[in-house]
Amino acid sequence: MQTATVTVEDRRHPATAHLPERWEWTDEWYDFTVNPRASVRVLAGVDERGYRGGAMGADHPLVWCHRVAAGRCFVTALGHEERAYRDQDFLHHLSGALAWVAGRTDR
């Protein structure tokens, strides 16, 4: 686990609306084989300059969403530590994601 800066790119989405533009967070930072940005709405990424081992470079999405036919898909790469589930900002992140996936909000 390492502390790094999550960069919130889209604060209109209910999963990220409550977060500051730069959010210090401790987690396990995943690299993805393919950057999803071309086909999804990226909500937040990580600044790789703040931790060791990042291999995606300057554009490293962590949180995104997109519509699939009549459904909705939400992805977050956050939440690998048990303490995350006691953190109010993280819990709001998840509840905002669930509200969007359930169609209770259209942002």
C-alpha atoms as a PDB file:
ATOM      1  CA  MET A   1       0.000   0.000   0.000  1.00  0.00           C
ATOM      2  CA  GLN A   2       1.219   3.464  -0.904  1.00  0.00           C
ATOM      3  CA  THR A   3      -0.196   6.954  -0.515  1.00  0.00           C
ATOM      4  CA  ALA A   4      -0.700   8.874  -3.751  1.00  0.00           C
ATOM      5  CA  THR A   5      -2.837  11.674  -5.149  1.00  0.00           C
ATOM      6  CA  VAL A   6      -6.108  10.780  -6.809  1.00  0.00           C
ATOM      7  CA  THR A   7      -6.952  13.443  -9.386  1.00  0.00           C
ATOM      8  CA  VAL A   8     -10.709  13.912  -9.694  1.00  0.00           C
ATOM      9  CA  GLU A   9     -11.455  14.823 -13.316  1.00  0.00           C
ATOM     10  CA  ASP A  10     -15.254  14.897 -13.234  1.00  0.00           C
ATOM     11  CA  ARG A  11     -16.967  16.284 -10.149  1.00  0.00           C
ATOM     12  CA  ARG A  12     -20.450  16.218 -11.746  1.00  0.00           C
ATOM     13  CA  HIS A  13     -20.843  12.475 -11.158  1.00  0.00           C
ATOM     14  CA  PRO A  14     -22.389  11.469  -7.802  1.00  0.00           C
ATOM     15  CA  ALA A  15     -19.443   9.146  -7.072  1.00  0.00           C
ATOM     16  CA  THR A  16     -16.942  11.998  -7.236  1.00  0.00           C
ATOM     17  CA  ALA A  17     -18.987  15.188  -6.662  1.00  0.00           C
ATOM     18  CA  HIS A  18     -18.038  15.351  -2.966  1.00  0.00           C
ATOM     19  CA  LEU A  19     -14.305  14.811  -3.500  1.00  0.00           C
ATOM     20  CA  PRO A  20     -11.686  17.546  -3.817  1.00  0.00           C
ATOM     21  CA  GLU A  21      -9.870  17.889  -7.158  1.00  0.00           C
ATOM     22  CA  ARG A  22      -6.804  16.308  -5.539  1.00  0.00           C
ATOM     23  CA  TRP A  23      -7.434  13.618  -2.925  1.00  0.00           C
ATOM     24  CA  GLU A  24      -4.644  11.963  -0.938  1.00  0.00           C
ATOM     25  CA  TRP A  25      -5.429   8.263  -0.656  1.00  0.00           C
ATOM     26  CA  THR A  26      -3.613   5.117   0.443  1.00  0.00           C
ATOM     27  CA  ASP A  27      -4.288   2.055  -1.663  1.00  0.00           C
ATOM     28  CA  GLU A  28      -2.838  -0.589  -3.946  1.00  0.00           C
ATOM     29  CA  TRP A  29      -2.397   1.080  -7.347  1.00  0.00           C
ATOM     30  CA  TYR A  30      -3.318  -1.109 -10.302  1.00  0.00           C
ATOM     31  CA  ASP A  31      -1.965  -0.676 -13.807  1.00  0.00           C
ATOM     32  CA  PHE A  32      -4.303  -1.693 -16.611  1.00  0.00           C
ATOM     33  CA  THR A  33      -3.271  -3.442 -19.816  1.00  0.00           C
ATOM     34  CA  VAL A  34      -5.357  -1.040 -21.903  1.00  0.00           C
ATOM     35  CA  ASN A  35      -6.226   2.541 -21.008  1.00  0.00           C
ATOM     36  CA  PRO A  36     -10.057   2.683 -21.132  1.00  0.00           C
ATOM     37  CA  ARG A  37     -10.315   6.445 -21.710  1.00  0.00           C
ATOM     38  CA  ALA A  38     -11.330   6.205 -25.380  1.00  0.00           C
ATOM     39  CA  SER A  39     -14.549   4.337 -24.596  1.00  0.00           C
ATOM     40  CA  VAL A  40     -15.591   5.447 -21.083  1.00  0.00           C
ATOM     41  CA  ARG A  41     -16.242   8.551 -18.976  1.00  0.00           C
ATOM     42  CA  VAL A  42     -13.169   8.846 -16.748  1.00  0.00           C
ATOM     43  CA  LEU A  43     -14.015  10.303 -13.339  1.00  0.00           C
ATOM     44  CA  ALA A  44     -10.657  10.067 -11.566  1.00  0.00           C
ATOM     45  CA  GLY A  45      -7.091   8.925 -12.059  1.00  0.00           C
ATOM     46  CA  VAL A  46      -3.881   8.731 -10.095  1.00  0.00           C
ATOM     47  CA  ASP A  47      -0.782  10.888 -10.329  1.00  0.00           C
ATOM     48  CA  GLU A  48       1.988   8.320 -10.786  1.00  0.00           C
ATOM     49  CA  ARG A  49       4.653  10.792  -9.685  1.00  0.00           C
ATOM     50  CA  GLY A  50       3.484  10.265  -6.097  1.00  0.00           C
ATOM     51  CA  TYR A  51       4.190   6.540  -5.725  1.00  0.00           C
ATOM     52  CA  ARG A  52       6.571   3.805  -6.868  1.00  0.00           C
ATOM     53  CA  GLY A  53       5.759   1.263  -9.562  1.00  0.00           C
ATOM     54  CA  GLY A  54       3.252   3.003 -11.844  1.00  0.00           C
ATOM     55  CA  ALA A  55       3.593   1.953 -15.474  1.00  0.00           C
ATOM     56  CA  MET A  56       0.729   3.716 -17.265  1.00  0.00           C
ATOM     57  CA  GLY A  57       2.292   7.175 -17.377  1.00  0.00           C
ATOM     58  CA  ALA A  58       0.624  10.569 -17.160  1.00  0.00           C
ATOM     59  CA  ASP A  59      -2.847   9.228 -18.051  1.00  0.00           C
ATOM     60  CA  HIS A  60      -3.740   6.621 -15.427  1.00  0.00           C
ATOM     61  CA  PRO A  61      -7.539   6.293 -14.976  1.00  0.00           C
ATOM     62  CA  LEU A  62      -8.798   4.637 -11.783  1.00  0.00           C
ATOM     63  CA  VAL A  63     -12.517   5.392 -11.731  1.00  0.00           C
ATOM     64  CA  TRP A  64     -14.817   5.410 -14.753  1.00  0.00           C
ATOM     65  CA  CYS A  65     -18.320   4.693 -15.944  1.00  0.00           C
ATOM     66  CA  HIS A  66     -20.177   4.054 -19.164  1.00  0.00           C
ATOM     67  CA  ARG A  67     -23.510   2.909 -20.465  1.00  0.00           C
ATOM     68  CA  VAL A  68     -23.947  -0.553 -21.904  1.00  0.00           C
ATOM     69  CA  ALA A  69     -27.138  -0.846 -23.956  1.00  0.00           C
ATOM     70  CA  ALA A  70     -29.876  -0.022 -21.419  1.00  0.00           C
ATOM     71  CA  GLY A  71     -27.564  -0.658 -18.440  1.00  0.00           C
ATOM     72  CA  ARG A  72     -24.813   1.185 -16.651  1.00  0.00           C
ATOM     73  CA  CYS A  73     -21.312   0.065 -15.693  1.00  0.00           C
ATOM     74  CA  PHE A  74     -19.153   1.645 -12.976  1.00  0.00           C
ATOM     75  CA  VAL A  75     -15.529   0.740 -12.235  1.00  0.00           C
ATOM     76  CA  THR A  76     -13.408   1.839  -9.289  1.00  0.00           C
ATOM     77  CA  ALA A  77      -9.914   0.540  -8.658  1.00  0.00           C
ATOM     78  CA  LEU A  78     -10.015   1.915  -5.106  1.00  0.00           C
ATOM     79  CA  GLY A  79     -10.803   0.117  -1.880  1.00  0.00           C
ATOM     80  CA  HIS A  80      -8.124  -2.508  -1.289  1.00  0.00           C
ATOM     81  CA  GLU A  81      -7.653  -1.768   2.413  1.00  0.00           C
ATOM     82  CA  GLU A  82     -10.189  -2.595   5.095  1.00  0.00           C
ATOM     83  CA  ARG A  83      -9.892   0.939   6.491  1.00  0.00           C
ATOM     84  CA  ALA A  84     -11.354   2.310   3.234  1.00  0.00           C
ATOM     85  CA  TYR A  85     -14.743   0.958   4.294  1.00  0.00           C
ATOM     86  CA  ARG A  86     -14.652   3.140   7.409  1.00  0.00           C
ATOM     87  CA  ASP A  87     -13.732   6.297   5.474  1.00  0.00           C
ATOM     88  CA  GLN A  88     -16.711   8.608   4.850  1.00  0.00           C
ATOM     89  CA  ASP A  89     -15.346   9.970   1.549  1.00  0.00           C
ATOM     90  CA  PHE A  90     -14.869   6.454   0.208  1.00  0.00           C
ATOM     91  CA  LEU A  91     -18.319   5.357   1.389  1.00  0.00           C
ATOM     92  CA  HIS A  92     -19.854   8.382  -0.377  1.00  0.00           C
ATOM     93  CA  HIS A  93     -17.859   7.381  -3.464  1.00  0.00           C
ATOM     94  CA  LEU A  94     -19.503   3.949  -3.400  1.00  0.00           C
ATOM     95  CA  SER A  95     -23.004   5.192  -2.595  1.00  0.00           C
ATOM     96  CA  GLY A  96     -22.803   7.735  -5.427  1.00  0.00           C
ATOM     97  CA  ALA A  97     -21.701   4.971  -7.781  1.00  0.00           C
ATOM     98  CA  LEU A  98     -24.595   2.753  -6.715  1.00  0.00           C
ATOM     99  CA  ALA A  99     -27.098   5.591  -7.115  1.00  0.00           C
ATOM    100  CA  TRP A 100     -25.865   6.169 -10.674  1.00  0.00           C
ATOM    101  CA  VAL A 101     -25.844   2.462 -11.584  1.00  0.00           C
ATOM    102  CA  ALA A 102     -29.382   2.107 -10.203  1.00  0.00           C
ATOM    103  CA  GLY A 103     -30.539   4.999 -12.362  1.00  0.00           C
ATOM    104  CA  ARG A 104     -31.484   7.228  -9.431  1.00  0.00           C
ATOM    105  CA  THR A 105     -29.416  10.015 -10.975  1.00  0.00           C
ATOM    106  CA  ASP A 106     -28.525  10.796 -14.551  1.00  0.00           C
ATOM    107  CA  ARG A 107     -25.367  12.871 -14.019  1.00  0.00           C
END
